[in-house]
Amino acid sequence: MSIASDLIRGHTDTIILARLMGGDNYGYEINKSIQQKTGGKYELKEATLYTAFRRLEQAGCISSYWGDEQTGARRRYYTITDLGRETYSGLVEEWQAAREMIEELMRTEET
C-alpha cells in the first residue's frame, strides 16, 4: 500500500521532533529511522529534511551542534529543546483531533 506524500507532508515537523525525543541525532540517521519505522515506505527528501531543520531551529524547537567525530565526516547533530517538547505535544494533540474528525467524516451512513 502506497501512502500519498501529501498525507504526511504536513506532519514533517512532528515526525522530526518525535525522532529527536529519543535523543540527539543527525540528519542521515533521522531519515534512516523514518525509513525503518515505515518499512521503507516513506523517507524525507534531503531538501525537505534540512529545510525543516532550519525552520525548527529558527522557531526555537531544536538546536544544533557539530559532532566531534574522530574518523569520517563531521556531522551536525540536532537536539530538541523544552519548547520543542511542548510543540511536539501540541502537534500530537492536533493530529489526534484531526484523525478523529477525518475518521468520523469517512464513516459511511447505514440506511
PDB file of N, CA and C in Angstrom:
ATOM      1  N   MET A   1       0.842  -1.172   0.000  1.00  0.00           N
ATOM      2  CA  MET A   1       0.000   0.000   0.000  1.00  0.00           C
ATOM      3  C   MET A   1       0.891   1.241   0.000  1.00  0.00           C
ATOM      4  N   SER A   2       0.641   2.124  -0.905  1.00  0.00           N
ATOM      5  CA  SER A   2       1.397   3.357  -1.005  1.00  0.00           C
ATOM      6  C   SER A   2       0.571   4.498  -0.408  1.00  0.00           C
ATOM      7  N   ILE A   3       1.185   5.265   0.474  1.00  0.00           N
ATOM      8  CA  ILE A   3       0.509   6.394   1.092  1.00  0.00           C
ATOM      9  C   ILE A   3       0.962   7.668   0.390  1.00  0.00           C
ATOM     10  N   ALA A   4       0.012   8.476   0.004  1.00  0.00           N
ATOM     11  CA  ALA A   4       0.340   9.718  -0.684  1.00  0.00           C
ATOM     12  C   ALA A   4       1.185  10.608   0.219  1.00  0.00           C
ATOM     13  N   SER A   5       2.259  11.137  -0.328  1.00  0.00           N
ATOM     14  CA  SER A   5       3.138  12.023   0.431  1.00  0.00           C
ATOM     15  C   SER A   5       2.382  13.228   0.971  1.00  0.00           C
ATOM     16  N   ASP A   6       1.332  13.656   0.280  1.00  0.00           N
ATOM     17  CA  ASP A   6       0.544  14.799   0.739  1.00  0.00           C
ATOM     18  C   ASP A   6      -0.069  14.549   2.116  1.00  0.00           C
ATOM     19  N   LEU A   7      -0.400  13.288   2.412  1.00  0.00           N
ATOM     20  CA  LEU A   7      -0.982  12.974   3.709  1.00  0.00           C
ATOM     21  C   LEU A   7       0.027  13.131   4.838  1.00  0.00           C
ATOM     22  N   ILE A   8       1.290  12.985   4.533  1.00  0.00           N
ATOM     23  CA  ILE A   8       2.343  13.022   5.548  1.00  0.00           C
ATOM     24  C   ILE A   8       3.048  14.376   5.573  1.00  0.00           C
ATOM     25  N   ARG A   9       3.118  15.045   4.460  1.00  0.00           N
ATOM     26  CA  ARG A   9       3.920  16.264   4.315  1.00  0.00           C
ATOM     27  C   ARG A   9       3.645  17.299   5.401  1.00  0.00           C
ATOM     28  N   GLY A  10       2.416  17.487   5.779  1.00  0.00           N
ATOM     29  CA  GLY A  10       2.068  18.474   6.792  1.00  0.00           C
ATOM     30  C   GLY A  10       2.519  18.102   8.193  1.00  0.00           C
ATOM     31  N   HIS A  11       3.055  16.912   8.341  1.00  0.00           N
ATOM     32  CA  HIS A  11       3.466  16.429   9.661  1.00  0.00           C
ATOM     33  C   HIS A  11       4.975  16.223   9.773  1.00  0.00           C
ATOM     34  N   THR A  12       5.711  16.803   8.845  1.00  0.00           N
ATOM     35  CA  THR A  12       7.166  16.653   8.830  1.00  0.00           C
ATOM     36  C   THR A  12       7.794  17.111  10.141  1.00  0.00           C
ATOM     37  N   ASP A  13       7.379  18.278  10.630  1.00  0.00           N
ATOM     38  CA  ASP A  13       7.956  18.788  11.874  1.00  0.00           C
ATOM     39  C   ASP A  13       7.683  17.828  13.029  1.00  0.00           C
ATOM     40  N   THR A  14       6.454  17.343  13.115  1.00  0.00           N
ATOM     41  CA  THR A  14       6.091  16.409  14.187  1.00  0.00           C
ATOM     42  C   THR A  14       6.927  15.141  14.109  1.00  0.00           C
ATOM     43  N   ILE A  15       7.125  14.634  12.909  1.00  0.00           N
ATOM     44  CA  ILE A  15       7.908  13.405  12.715  1.00  0.00           C
ATOM     45  C   ILE A  15       9.352  13.628  13.151  1.00  0.00           C
ATOM     46  N   ILE A  16       9.931  14.746  12.776  1.00  0.00           N
ATOM     47  CA  ILE A  16      11.319  15.041  13.155  1.00  0.00           C
ATOM     48  C   ILE A  16      11.430  15.218  14.664  1.00  0.00           C
ATOM     49  N   LEU A  17      10.511  15.973  15.249  1.00  0.00           N
ATOM     50  CA  LEU A  17      10.541  16.156  16.702  1.00  0.00           C
ATOM     51  C   LEU A  17      10.389  14.819  17.432  1.00  0.00           C
ATOM     52  N   ALA A  18       9.539  13.948  16.915  1.00  0.00           N
ATOM     53  CA  ALA A  18       9.368  12.621  17.523  1.00  0.00           C
ATOM     54  C   ALA A  18      10.672  11.838  17.505  1.00  0.00           C
ATOM     55  N   ARG A  19      11.397  11.916  16.395  1.00  0.00           N
ATOM     56  CA  ARG A  19      12.670  11.195  16.294  1.00  0.00           C
ATOM     57  C   ARG A  19      13.690  11.767  17.281  1.00  0.00           C
ATOM     58  N   LEU A  20      13.616  13.067  17.553  1.00  0.00           N
ATOM     59  CA  LEU A  20      14.567  13.696  18.476  1.00  0.00           C
ATOM     60  C   LEU A  20      14.167  13.522  19.942  1.00  0.00           C
ATOM     61  N   MET A  21      12.939  13.117  20.206  1.00  0.00           N
ATOM     62  CA  MET A  21      12.517  12.873  21.585  1.00  0.00           C
ATOM     63  C   MET A  21      13.356  11.755  22.205  1.00  0.00           C
ATOM     64  N   GLY A  22      13.874  10.871  21.379  1.00  0.00           N
ATOM     65  CA  GLY A  22      14.694   9.759  21.867  1.00  0.00           C
ATOM     66  C   GLY A  22      16.152  10.129  22.077  1.00  0.00           C
ATOM     67  N   GLY A  23      16.546  11.310  21.687  1.00  0.00           N
ATOM     68  CA  GLY A  23      17.927  11.738  21.868  1.00  0.00           C
ATOM     69  C   GLY A  23      18.457  12.468  20.647  1.00  0.00           C
ATOM     70  N   ASP A  24      19.606  13.104  20.829  1.00  0.00           N
ATOM     71  CA  ASP A  24      20.245  13.858  19.750  1.00  0.00           C
ATOM     72  C   ASP A  24      20.572  12.941  18.579  1.00  0.00           C
ATOM     73  N   ASN A  25      20.504  13.507  17.386  1.00  0.00           N
ATOM     74  CA  ASN A  25      20.827  12.722  16.207  1.00  0.00           C
ATOM     75  C   ASN A  25      21.132  13.660  15.042  1.00  0.00           C
ATOM     76  N   TYR A  26      21.618  13.095  13.945  1.00  0.00           N
ATOM     77  CA  TYR A  26      21.939  13.874  12.756  1.00  0.00           C
ATOM     78  C   TYR A  26      21.034  13.444  11.610  1.00  0.00           C
ATOM     79  N   GLY A  27      20.982  14.280  10.581  1.00  0.00           N
ATOM     80  CA  GLY A  27      20.017  14.124   9.503  1.00  0.00           C
ATOM     81  C   GLY A  27      19.915  12.751   8.881  1.00  0.00           C
ATOM     82  N   TYR A  28      21.048  12.184   8.493  1.00  0.00           N
ATOM     83  CA  TYR A  28      21.019  10.877   7.817  1.00  0.00           C
ATOM     84  C   TYR A  28      20.384   9.816   8.713  1.00  0.00           C
ATOM     85  N   GLU A  29      20.752   9.804   9.975  1.00  0.00           N
ATOM     86  CA  GLU A  29      20.225   8.795  10.905  1.00  0.00           C
ATOM     87  C   GLU A  29      18.739   9.015  11.182  1.00  0.00           C
ATOM     88  N   ILE A  30      18.322  10.263  11.252  1.00  0.00           N
ATOM     89  CA  ILE A  30      16.897  10.558  11.454  1.00  0.00           C
ATOM     90  C   ILE A  30      16.099  10.028  10.270  1.00  0.00           C
ATOM     91  N   ASN A  31      16.563  10.302   9.057  1.00  0.00           N
ATOM     92  CA  ASN A  31      15.863   9.829   7.873  1.00  0.00           C
ATOM     93  C   ASN A  31      15.879   8.304   7.794  1.00  0.00           C
ATOM     94  N   LYS A  32      16.995   7.711   8.175  1.00  0.00           N
ATOM     95  CA  LYS A  32      17.098   6.244   8.183  1.00  0.00           C
ATOM     96  C   LYS A  32      16.095   5.638   9.166  1.00  0.00           C
ATOM     97  N   SER A  33      15.928   6.263  10.325  1.00  0.00           N
ATOM     98  CA  SER A  33      14.973   5.739  11.309  1.00  0.00           C
ATOM     99  C   SER A  33      13.540   5.865  10.797  1.00  0.00           C
ATOM    100  N   ILE A  34      13.257   6.936  10.043  1.00  0.00           N
ATOM    101  CA  ILE A  34      11.929   7.095   9.438  1.00  0.00           C
ATOM    102  C   ILE A  34      11.680   5.977   8.433  1.00  0.00           C
ATOM    103  N   GLN A  35      12.679   5.699   7.608  1.00  0.00           N
ATOM    104  CA  GLN A  35      12.549   4.613   6.631  1.00  0.00           C
ATOM    105  C   GLN A  35      12.336   3.273   7.331  1.00  0.00           C
ATOM    106  N   GLN A  36      13.078   3.033   8.397  1.00  0.00           N
ATOM    107  CA  GLN A  36      12.957   1.762   9.118  1.00  0.00           C
ATOM    108  C   GLN A  36      11.587   1.626   9.773  1.00  0.00           C
ATOM    109  N   LYS A  37      11.120   2.688  10.421  1.00  0.00           N
ATOM    110  CA  LYS A  37       9.823   2.631  11.099  1.00  0.00           C
ATOM    111  C   LYS A  37       8.666   2.437  10.116  1.00  0.00           C
ATOM    112  N   THR A  38       8.850   2.859   8.864  1.00  0.00           N
ATOM    113  CA  THR A  38       7.783   2.712   7.870  1.00  0.00           C
ATOM    114  C   THR A  38       8.019   1.519   6.950  1.00  0.00           C
ATOM    115  N   GLY A  39       8.984   0.696   7.273  1.00  0.00           N
ATOM    116  CA  GLY A  39       9.275  -0.459   6.423  1.00  0.00           C
ATOM    117  C   GLY A  39       9.707  -0.057   5.028  1.00  0.00           C
ATOM    118  N   GLY A  40      10.370   1.095   4.916  1.00  0.00           N
ATOM    119  CA  GLY A  40      10.850   1.568   3.626  1.00  0.00           C
ATOM    120  C   GLY A  40       9.791   2.250   2.774  1.00  0.00           C
ATOM    121  N   LYS A  41       8.599   2.466   3.319  1.00  0.00           N
ATOM    122  CA  LYS A  41       7.514   3.065   2.540  1.00  0.00           C
ATOM    123  C   LYS A  41       7.592   4.587   2.482  1.00  0.00           C
ATOM    124  N   TYR A  42       8.375   5.194   3.381  1.00  0.00           N
ATOM    125  CA  TYR A  42       8.438   6.649   3.395  1.00  0.00           C
ATOM    126  C   TYR A  42       9.827   7.114   3.797  1.00  0.00           C
ATOM    127  N   GLU A  43      10.273   8.147   3.131  1.00  0.00           N
ATOM    128  CA  GLU A  43      11.513   8.814   3.510  1.00  0.00           C
ATOM    129  C   GLU A  43      11.372  10.279   3.142  1.00  0.00           C
ATOM    130  N   LEU A  44      12.063  11.113   3.890  1.00  0.00           N
ATOM    131  CA  LEU A  44      12.040  12.538   3.586  1.00  0.00           C
ATOM    132  C   LEU A  44      13.114  12.852   2.564  1.00  0.00           C
ATOM    133  N   LYS A  45      12.782  13.685   1.626  1.00  0.00           N
ATOM    134  CA  LYS A  45      13.800  14.165   0.688  1.00  0.00           C
ATOM    135  C   LYS A  45      14.784  15.008   1.485  1.00  0.00           C
ATOM    136  N   GLU A  46      16.045  14.982   1.081  1.00  0.00           N
ATOM    137  CA  GLU A  46      17.088  15.700   1.806  1.00  0.00           C
ATOM    138  C   GLU A  46      16.759  17.183   1.943  1.00  0.00           C
ATOM    139  N   ALA A  47      16.281  17.795   0.854  1.00  0.00           N
ATOM    140  CA  ALA A  47      15.937  19.226   0.898  1.00  0.00           C
ATOM    141  C   ALA A  47      14.818  19.487   1.898  1.00  0.00           C
ATOM    142  N   THR A  48      13.825  18.618   1.946  1.00  0.00           N
ATOM    143  CA  THR A  48      12.714  18.762   2.892  1.00  0.00           C
ATOM    144  C   THR A  48      13.212  18.638   4.322  1.00  0.00           C
ATOM    145  N   LEU A  49      14.068  17.666   4.553  1.00  0.00           N
ATOM    146  CA  LEU A  49      14.609  17.421   5.890  1.00  0.00           C
ATOM    147  C   LEU A  49      15.377  18.629   6.411  1.00  0.00           C
ATOM    148  N   TYR A  50      16.301  19.143   5.602  1.00  0.00           N
ATOM    149  CA  TYR A  50      17.138  20.239   6.064  1.00  0.00           C
ATOM    150  C   TYR A  50      16.396  21.573   6.110  1.00  0.00           C
ATOM    151  N   THR A  51      15.376  21.740   5.271  1.00  0.00           N
ATOM    152  CA  THR A  51      14.509  22.913   5.372  1.00  0.00           C
ATOM    153  C   THR A  51      13.736  22.869   6.690  1.00  0.00           C
ATOM    154  N   ALA A  52      13.255  21.688   7.038  1.00  0.00           N
ATOM    155  CA  ALA A  52      12.535  21.532   8.310  1.00  0.00           C
ATOM    156  C   ALA A  52      13.469  21.781   9.493  1.00  0.00           C
ATOM    157  N   PHE A  53      14.710  21.300   9.425  1.00  0.00           N
ATOM    158  CA  PHE A  53      15.676  21.567  10.496  1.00  0.00           C
ATOM    159  C   PHE A  53      15.848  23.072  10.690  1.00  0.00           C
ATOM    160  N   ARG A  54      16.022  23.801   9.595  1.00  0.00           N
ATOM    161  CA  ARG A  54      16.205  25.257   9.692  1.00  0.00           C
ATOM    162  C   ARG A  54      14.973  25.929  10.301  1.00  0.00           C
ATOM    163  N   ARG A  55      13.800  25.514   9.834  1.00  0.00           N
ATOM    164  CA  ARG A  55      12.552  26.091  10.333  1.00  0.00           C
ATOM    165  C   ARG A  55      12.388  25.813  11.834  1.00  0.00           C
ATOM    166  N   LEU A  56      12.644  24.567  12.241  1.00  0.00           N
ATOM    167  CA  LEU A  56      12.504  24.195  13.648  1.00  0.00           C
ATOM    168  C   LEU A  56      13.541  24.895  14.524  1.00  0.00           C
ATOM    169  N   GLU A  57      14.740  25.079  13.984  1.00  0.00           N
ATOM    170  CA  GLU A  57      15.786  25.754  14.746  1.00  0.00           C
ATOM    171  C   GLU A  57      15.449  27.243  14.901  1.00  0.00           C
ATOM    172  N   GLN A  58      14.969  27.877  13.839  1.00  0.00           N
ATOM    173  CA  GLN A  58      14.591  29.290  13.909  1.00  0.00           C
ATOM    174  C   GLN A  58      13.426  29.504  14.874  1.00  0.00           C
ATOM    175  N   ALA A  59      12.550  28.507  14.986  1.00  0.00           N
ATOM    176  CA  ALA A  59      11.403  28.598  15.886  1.00  0.00           C
ATOM    177  C   ALA A  59      11.784  28.293  17.335  1.00  0.00           C
ATOM    178  N   GLY A  60      13.014  27.827  17.555  1.00  0.00           N
ATOM    179  CA  GLY A  60      13.461  27.515  18.905  1.00  0.00           C
ATOM    180  C   GLY A  60      13.082  26.120  19.381  1.00  0.00           C
ATOM    181  N   CYS A  61      12.605  25.275  18.466  1.00  0.00           N
ATOM    182  CA  CYS A  61      12.184  23.919  18.833  1.00  0.00           C
ATOM    183  C   CYS A  61      13.350  22.935  18.903  1.00  0.00           C
ATOM    184  N   ILE A  62      14.401  23.218  18.150  1.00  0.00           N
ATOM    185  CA  ILE A  62      15.600  22.385  18.177  1.00  0.00           C
ATOM    186  C   ILE A  62      16.822  23.293  18.187  1.00  0.00           C
ATOM    187  N   SER A  63      17.937  22.733  18.561  1.00  0.00           N
ATOM    188  CA  SER A  63      19.215  23.421  18.409  1.00  0.00           C
ATOM    189  C   SER A  63      20.175  22.426  17.778  1.00  0.00           C
ATOM    190  N   SER A  64      21.293  22.932  17.285  1.00  0.00           N
ATOM    191  CA  SER A  64      22.238  22.046  16.612  1.00  0.00           C
ATOM    192  C   SER A  64      23.645  22.341  17.086  1.00  0.00           C
ATOM    193  N   TYR A  65      24.498  21.348  16.879  1.00  0.00           N
ATOM    194  CA  TYR A  65      25.914  21.483  17.220  1.00  0.00           C
ATOM    195  C   TYR A  65      26.701  20.527  16.342  1.00  0.00           C
ATOM    196  N   TRP A  66      27.969  20.814  16.190  1.00  0.00           N
ATOM    197  CA  TRP A  66      28.840  19.955  15.393  1.00  0.00           C
ATOM    198  C   TRP A  66      29.386  18.839  16.271  1.00  0.00           C
ATOM    199  N   GLY A  67      29.297  17.612  15.767  1.00  0.00           N
ATOM    200  CA  GLY A  67      29.836  16.461  16.481  1.00  0.00           C
ATOM    201  C   GLY A  67      31.353  16.460  16.438  1.00  0.00           C
ATOM    202  N   ASP A  68      31.924  15.650  17.270  1.00  0.00           N
ATOM    203  CA  ASP A  68      33.384  15.565  17.372  1.00  0.00           C
ATOM    204  C   ASP A  68      33.837  14.189  16.877  1.00  0.00           C
ATOM    205  N   GLU A  69      33.543  13.895  15.614  1.00  0.00           N
ATOM    206  CA  GLU A  69      33.925  12.607  15.036  1.00  0.00           C
ATOM    207  C   GLU A  69      35.436  12.533  14.860  1.00  0.00           C
ATOM    208  N   GLN A  70      35.990  11.444  15.302  1.00  0.00           N
ATOM    209  CA  GLN A  70      37.430  11.230  15.154  1.00  0.00           C
ATOM    210  C   GLN A  70      37.771  10.732  13.748  1.00  0.00           C
ATOM    211  N   THR A  71      36.848   9.984  13.174  1.00  0.00           N
ATOM    212  CA  THR A  71      37.051   9.484  11.810  1.00  0.00           C
ATOM    213  C   THR A  71      35.804   9.798  10.990  1.00  0.00           C
ATOM    214  N   GLY A  72      35.973   9.994   9.741  1.00  0.00           N
ATOM    215  CA  GLY A  72      34.841  10.264   8.859  1.00  0.00           C
ATOM    216  C   GLY A  72      34.425  11.722   8.870  1.00  0.00           C
ATOM    217  N   ALA A  73      33.299  11.976   8.259  1.00  0.00           N
ATOM    218  CA  ALA A  73      32.814  13.346   8.096  1.00  0.00           C
ATOM    219  C   ALA A  73      32.304  13.907   9.419  1.00  0.00           C
ATOM    220  N   ARG A  74      32.487  15.179   9.598  1.00  0.00           N
ATOM    221  CA  ARG A  74      31.962  15.870  10.768  1.00  0.00           C
ATOM    222  C   ARG A  74      30.457  16.045  10.567  1.00  0.00           C
ATOM    223  N   ARG A  75      29.675  15.715  11.594  1.00  0.00           N
ATOM    224  CA  ARG A  75      28.216  15.738  11.466  1.00  0.00           C
ATOM    225  C   ARG A  75      27.605  16.828  12.331  1.00  0.00           C
ATOM    226  N   ARG A  76      26.526  17.381  11.813  1.00  0.00           N
ATOM    227  CA  ARG A  76      25.753  18.362  12.583  1.00  0.00           C
ATOM    228  C   ARG A  76      24.633  17.602  13.297  1.00  0.00           C
ATOM    229  N   TYR A  77      24.639  17.675  14.605  1.00  0.00           N
ATOM    230  CA  TYR A  77      23.645  16.993  15.419  1.00  0.00           C
ATOM    231  C   TYR A  77      22.542  17.963  15.825  1.00  0.00           C
ATOM    232  N   TYR A  78      21.358  17.419  16.000  1.00  0.00           N
ATOM    233  CA  TYR A  78      20.202  18.204  16.404  1.00  0.00           C
ATOM    234  C   TYR A  78      19.679  17.668  17.727  1.00  0.00           C
ATOM    235  N   THR A  79      19.231  18.586  18.567  1.00  0.00           N
ATOM    236  CA  THR A  79      18.667  18.225  19.864  1.00  0.00           C
ATOM    237  C   THR A  79      17.358  18.984  20.051  1.00  0.00           C
ATOM    238  N   ILE A  80      16.411  18.357  20.688  1.00  0.00           N
ATOM    239  CA  ILE A  80      15.117  19.007  20.920  1.00  0.00           C
ATOM    240  C   ILE A  80      15.225  19.880  22.176  1.00  0.00           C
ATOM    241  N   THR A  81      14.586  21.031  22.140  1.00  0.00           N
ATOM    242  CA  THR A  81      14.588  21.955  23.269  1.00  0.00           C
ATOM    243  C   THR A  81      13.308  21.742  24.094  1.00  0.00           C
ATOM    244  N   ASP A  82      13.216  22.427  25.225  1.00  0.00           N
ATOM    245  CA  ASP A  82      11.983  22.365  26.017  1.00  0.00           C
ATOM    246  C   ASP A  82      10.797  22.866  25.202  1.00  0.00           C
ATOM    247  N   LEU A  83      11.007  23.960  24.451  1.00  0.00           N
ATOM    248  CA  LEU A  83       9.947  24.456  23.583  1.00  0.00           C
ATOM    249  C   LEU A  83       9.580  23.409  22.532  1.00  0.00           C
ATOM    250  N   GLY A  84      10.568  22.701  22.001  1.00  0.00           N
ATOM    251  CA  GLY A  84      10.316  21.651  21.030  1.00  0.00           C
ATOM    252  C   GLY A  84       9.478  20.524  21.606  1.00  0.00           C
ATOM    253  N   ARG A  85       9.725  20.176  22.865  1.00  0.00           N
ATOM    254  CA  ARG A  85       8.927  19.131  23.533  1.00  0.00           C
ATOM    255  C   ARG A  85       7.476  19.587  23.689  1.00  0.00           C
ATOM    256  N   GLU A  86       7.296  20.850  24.077  1.00  0.00           N
ATOM    257  CA  GLU A  86       5.943  21.400  24.198  1.00  0.00           C
ATOM    258  C   GLU A  86       5.253  21.436  22.837  1.00  0.00           C
ATOM    259  N   THR A  87       5.990  21.876  21.831  1.00  0.00           N
ATOM    260  CA  THR A  87       5.451  21.940  20.468  1.00  0.00           C
ATOM    261  C   THR A  87       5.054  20.553  19.991  1.00  0.00           C
ATOM    262  N   TYR A  88       5.915  19.568  20.234  1.00  0.00           N
ATOM    263  CA  TYR A  88       5.627  18.190  19.842  1.00  0.00           C
ATOM    264  C   TYR A  88       4.319  17.715  20.474  1.00  0.00           C
ATOM    265  N   SER A  89       4.162  17.947  21.776  1.00  0.00           N
ATOM    266  CA  SER A  89       2.941  17.517  22.467  1.00  0.00           C
ATOM    267  C   SER A  89       1.705  18.161  21.846  1.00  0.00           C
ATOM    268  N   GLY A  90       1.799  19.462  21.556  1.00  0.00           N
ATOM    269  CA  GLY A  90       0.676  20.160  20.930  1.00  0.00           C
ATOM    270  C   GLY A  90       0.361  19.624  19.543  1.00  0.00           C
ATOM    271  N   LEU A  91       1.394  19.345  18.771  1.00  0.00           N
ATOM    272  CA  LEU A  91       1.187  18.815  17.419  1.00  0.00           C
ATOM    273  C   LEU A  91       0.565  17.424  17.452  1.00  0.00           C
ATOM    274  N   VAL A  92       0.957  16.615  18.427  1.00  0.00           N
ATOM    275  CA  VAL A  92       0.366  15.279  18.562  1.00  0.00           C
ATOM    276  C   VAL A  92      -1.111  15.386  18.929  1.00  0.00           C
ATOM    277  N   GLU A  93      -1.435  16.308  19.831  1.00  0.00           N
ATOM    278  CA  GLU A  93      -2.845  16.525  20.186  1.00  0.00           C
ATOM    279  C   GLU A  93      -3.650  16.965  18.966  1.00  0.00           C
ATOM    280  N   GLU A  94      -3.088  17.886  18.181  1.00  0.00           N
ATOM    281  CA  GLU A  94      -3.760  18.341  16.958  1.00  0.00           C
ATOM    282  C   GLU A  94      -3.974  17.171  16.001  1.00  0.00           C
ATOM    283  N   TRP A  95      -2.959  16.323  15.845  1.00  0.00           N
ATOM    284  CA  TRP A  95      -3.050  15.169  14.955  1.00  0.00           C
ATOM    285  C   TRP A  95      -4.166  14.233  15.407  1.00  0.00           C
ATOM    286  N   GLN A  96      -4.232  13.967  16.718  1.00  0.00           N
ATOM    287  CA  GLN A  96      -5.255  13.055  17.229  1.00  0.00           C
ATOM    288  C   GLN A  96      -6.660  13.613  16.987  1.00  0.00           C
ATOM    289  N   ALA A  97      -6.834  14.895  17.196  1.00  0.00           N
ATOM    290  CA  ALA A  97      -8.138  15.522  16.945  1.00  0.00           C
ATOM    291  C   ALA A  97      -8.491  15.461  15.461  1.00  0.00           C
ATOM    292  N   ALA A  98      -7.516  15.754  14.603  1.00  0.00           N
ATOM    293  CA  ALA A  98      -7.756  15.706  13.156  1.00  0.00           C
ATOM    294  C   ALA A  98      -8.073  14.281  12.709  1.00  0.00           C
ATOM    295  N   ARG A  99      -7.340  13.312  13.251  1.00  0.00           N
ATOM    296  CA  ARG A  99      -7.583  11.904  12.887  1.00  0.00           C
ATOM    297  C   ARG A  99      -9.005  11.501  13.248  1.00  0.00           C
ATOM    298  N   GLU A 100      -9.451  11.868  14.453  1.00  0.00           N
ATOM    299  CA  GLU A 100     -10.808  11.530  14.877  1.00  0.00           C
ATOM    300  C   GLU A 100     -11.850  12.180  13.961  1.00  0.00           C
ATOM    301  N   MET A 101     -11.619  13.439  13.600  1.00  0.00           N
ATOM    302  CA  MET A 101     -12.556  14.141  12.726  1.00  0.00           C
ATOM    303  C   MET A 101     -12.601  13.485  11.345  1.00  0.00           C
ATOM    304  N   ILE A 102     -11.447  13.155  10.797  1.00  0.00           N
ATOM    305  CA  ILE A 102     -11.397  12.523   9.473  1.00  0.00           C
ATOM    306  C   ILE A 102     -12.062  11.154   9.507  1.00  0.00           C
ATOM    307  N   GLU A 103     -11.802  10.384  10.569  1.00  0.00           N
ATOM    308  CA  GLU A 103     -12.451   9.068  10.685  1.00  0.00           C
ATOM    309  C   GLU A 103     -13.969   9.218  10.716  1.00  0.00           C
ATOM    310  N   GLU A 104     -14.450  10.220  11.449  1.00  0.00           N
ATOM    311  CA  GLU A 104     -15.897  10.463  11.520  1.00  0.00           C
ATOM    312  C   GLU A 104     -16.445  10.845  10.143  1.00  0.00           C
ATOM    313  N   LEU A 105     -15.727  11.706   9.430  1.00  0.00           N
ATOM    314  CA  LEU A 105     -16.182  12.138   8.116  1.00  0.00           C
ATOM    315  C   LEU A 105     -16.154  11.022   7.085  1.00  0.00           C
ATOM    316  N   MET A 106     -15.323  10.023   7.300  1.00  0.00           N
ATOM    317  CA  MET A 106     -15.194   8.936   6.328  1.00  0.00           C
ATOM    318  C   MET A 106     -16.146   7.772   6.613  1.00  0.00           C
ATOM    319  N   ARG A 107     -16.786   7.791   7.761  1.00  0.00           N
ATOM    320  CA  ARG A 107     -17.740   6.714   8.074  1.00  0.00           C
ATOM    321  C   ARG A 107     -18.914   6.802   7.112  1.00  0.00           C
ATOM    322  N   THR A 108     -19.329   5.668   6.625  1.00  0.00           N
ATOM    323  CA  THR A 108     -20.492   5.634   5.744  1.00  0.00           C
ATOM    324  C   THR A 108     -21.752   5.581   6.586  1.00  0.00           C
ATOM    325  N   GLU A 109     -22.802   6.136   6.063  1.00  0.00           N
ATOM    326  CA  GLU A 109     -24.081   6.151   6.770  1.00  0.00           C
ATOM    327  C   GLU A 109     -24.835   4.867   6.437  1.00  0.00           C
ATOM    328  N   GLU A 110     -25.280   4.199   7.462  1.00  0.00           N
ATOM    329  CA  GLU A 110     -26.093   2.986   7.266  1.00  0.00           C
ATOM    330  C   GLU A 110     -27.535   3.430   7.002  1.00  0.00           C
ATOM    331  N   THR A 111     -28.149   2.878   5.978  1.00  0.00           N
ATOM    332  CA  THR A 111     -29.547   3.267   5.689  1.00  0.00           C
ATOM    333  C   THR A 111     -30.510   2.188   6.047  1.00  0.00           C
TER     334      THR A 111
END
